[in-house]
Amino acid sequence: MADDKCLFCKIINAEQPAEIIFENEQLIVFKDIFPKAPVHLLVVPKKHIASMNEASEEDSELITHLMLQLPSIAKANGIGDGYRTILNTGSKGGQIIFHLHFHLLGGGSGTLPGF
């Protein structure tokens, strides 16, 4: 169920613009508006799940699907040879938008700390 106030739900429902890179029935991928790397994508399930803490056993297929799409999304965006995935959970874990999402970052040598 979508959250009327959630920015990512608004993007999913085409109520908020975003530079969409990929989309299927279960997820949407778009560019981060404040990129931390040459390629910085957000991989977002279409189902509203506030954070990993709220994910349940019924979400396991969706989360597995999302995770298994990461390599092909990275490859399609020129970073298949090396990338970082980040999942922030809760405000103390750095989560700002409370809709489960993975950051997919890469591009360029030495552009990411510890990369």
Protein backbone atom coordinates (compact mmCIF):
# COMPACT_ATOMS: atom_id res chain seq x y z
CA MET A 1 0.00 0.00 0.00
CA ALA A 2 1.35 3.41 -0.97
CA ASP A 3 1.95 6.13 1.58
CA ASP A 4 0.41 9.41 0.34
CA LYS A 5 3.21 11.44 1.94
CA CYS A 6 6.10 9.25 0.77
CA LEU A 7 8.30 10.85 -1.89
CA PHE A 8 9.22 7.49 -3.44
CA CYS A 9 5.56 6.42 -3.61
CA LYS A 10 4.86 9.68 -5.46
CA ILE A 11 7.66 8.87 -7.94
CA ILE A 12 6.30 5.34 -8.39
CA ASN A 13 2.82 6.78 -9.06
CA ALA A 14 4.21 9.42 -11.49
CA GLU A 15 3.11 12.22 -9.17
CA GLN A 16 6.71 13.44 -8.70
CA PRO A 17 9.30 13.66 -11.49
CA ALA A 18 12.43 11.53 -11.48
CA GLU A 19 14.98 10.39 -14.03
CA ILE A 20 13.85 6.79 -14.27
CA ILE A 21 16.52 4.34 -15.46
CA PHE A 22 14.63 1.04 -15.21
CA GLU A 23 11.25 -0.21 -14.15
CA ASN A 24 9.41 -3.52 -13.94
CA GLU A 25 6.31 -4.71 -12.07
CA GLN A 26 8.14 -4.93 -8.73
CA LEU A 27 10.72 -2.16 -8.69
CA ILE A 28 11.77 1.19 -10.07
CA VAL A 29 15.29 2.60 -10.46
CA PHE A 30 16.05 6.29 -10.75
CA LYS A 31 18.98 8.68 -10.38
CA ASP A 32 19.67 10.16 -6.96
CA ILE A 33 19.24 13.95 -7.07
CA PHE A 34 22.21 14.38 -4.72
CA PRO A 35 24.71 11.90 -6.20
CA LYS A 36 27.67 10.76 -4.15
CA ALA A 37 29.39 9.08 -7.13
CA PRO A 38 29.43 9.44 -10.94
CA VAL A 39 26.68 6.81 -11.04
CA HIS A 40 24.30 6.95 -8.08
CA LEU A 41 21.01 5.14 -8.53
CA LEU A 42 18.20 4.35 -6.13
CA VAL A 43 16.67 0.89 -6.46
CA VAL A 44 13.21 0.98 -4.92
CA PRO A 45 10.53 -1.69 -4.51
CA LYS A 46 7.13 -0.46 -5.66
CA LYS A 47 5.57 -1.87 -2.52
CA HIS A 48 5.85 0.62 0.32
CA ILE A 49 7.99 -0.86 3.08
CA ALA A 50 9.20 1.87 5.44
CA SER A 51 12.59 0.27 6.16
CA MET A 52 14.29 -3.10 6.47
CA ASN A 53 12.99 -3.20 10.04
CA GLU A 54 9.43 -3.33 8.69
CA ALA A 55 10.10 -5.98 6.04
CA SER A 56 8.39 -9.29 6.72
CA GLU A 57 8.64 -12.86 5.52
CA GLU A 58 6.01 -12.05 2.87
CA ASP A 59 8.47 -9.54 1.38
CA SER A 60 11.24 -12.11 0.92
CA GLU A 61 10.55 -12.77 -2.79
CA LEU A 62 10.37 -9.04 -3.52
CA ILE A 63 13.64 -8.29 -1.72
CA THR A 64 15.34 -11.27 -3.35
CA HIS A 65 14.15 -10.08 -6.78
CA LEU A 66 15.47 -6.59 -6.08
CA MET A 67 18.85 -7.87 -4.92
CA LEU A 68 19.22 -10.16 -7.94
CA GLN A 69 18.50 -7.25 -10.30
CA LEU A 70 21.40 -5.17 -8.93
CA PRO A 71 24.16 -6.74 -11.10
CA SER A 72 22.23 -6.26 -14.35
CA ILE A 73 21.25 -2.69 -13.41
CA ALA A 74 24.90 -1.95 -12.60
CA LYS A 75 26.08 -3.48 -15.88
CA ALA A 76 23.48 -1.57 -17.90
CA ASN A 77 24.73 1.66 -16.33
CA GLY A 78 28.43 1.06 -16.97
CA ILE A 79 29.48 0.03 -13.47
CA GLY A 80 29.18 -3.74 -13.71
CA ASP A 81 32.89 -4.19 -13.02
CA GLY A 82 32.61 -2.67 -9.55
CA TYR A 83 29.94 -0.96 -7.51
CA ARG A 84 28.72 -0.42 -3.99
CA THR A 85 25.25 -1.09 -2.61
CA ILE A 86 24.07 0.65 0.52
CA LEU A 87 20.93 0.08 2.55
CA ASN A 88 20.35 2.62 5.32
CA THR A 89 17.88 1.54 8.00
CA GLY A 90 16.26 4.01 10.39
CA SER A 91 17.21 7.60 11.08
CA LYS A 92 20.17 6.54 13.22
CA GLY A 93 21.36 4.41 10.27
CA GLY A 94 21.25 7.37 7.87
CA GLN A 95 17.83 6.70 6.31
CA ILE A 96 16.18 9.94 5.16
CA ILE A 97 13.30 8.69 2.98
CA PHE A 98 11.29 6.07 4.82
CA HIS A 99 10.64 3.75 1.90
CA LEU A 100 13.03 0.81 1.62
CA HIS A 101 15.65 1.51 -1.06
CA PHE A 102 19.15 0.52 -2.04
CA HIS A 103 21.77 2.99 -3.20
CA LEU A 104 23.78 1.65 -6.15
CA LEU A 105 27.01 3.64 -6.59
CA GLY A 106 30.02 3.39 -8.85
CA GLY A 107 32.05 4.87 -11.65
CA GLY A 108 35.61 6.03 -11.75
CA SER A 109 38.66 4.89 -9.82
CA GLY A 110 39.02 6.28 -6.32
CA THR A 111 35.75 8.21 -6.40
CA LEU A 112 34.28 6.50 -3.36
CA PRO A 113 35.94 6.33 0.06
CA GLY A 114 37.18 2.80 0.56
CA PHE A 115 36.15 1.86 -2.97
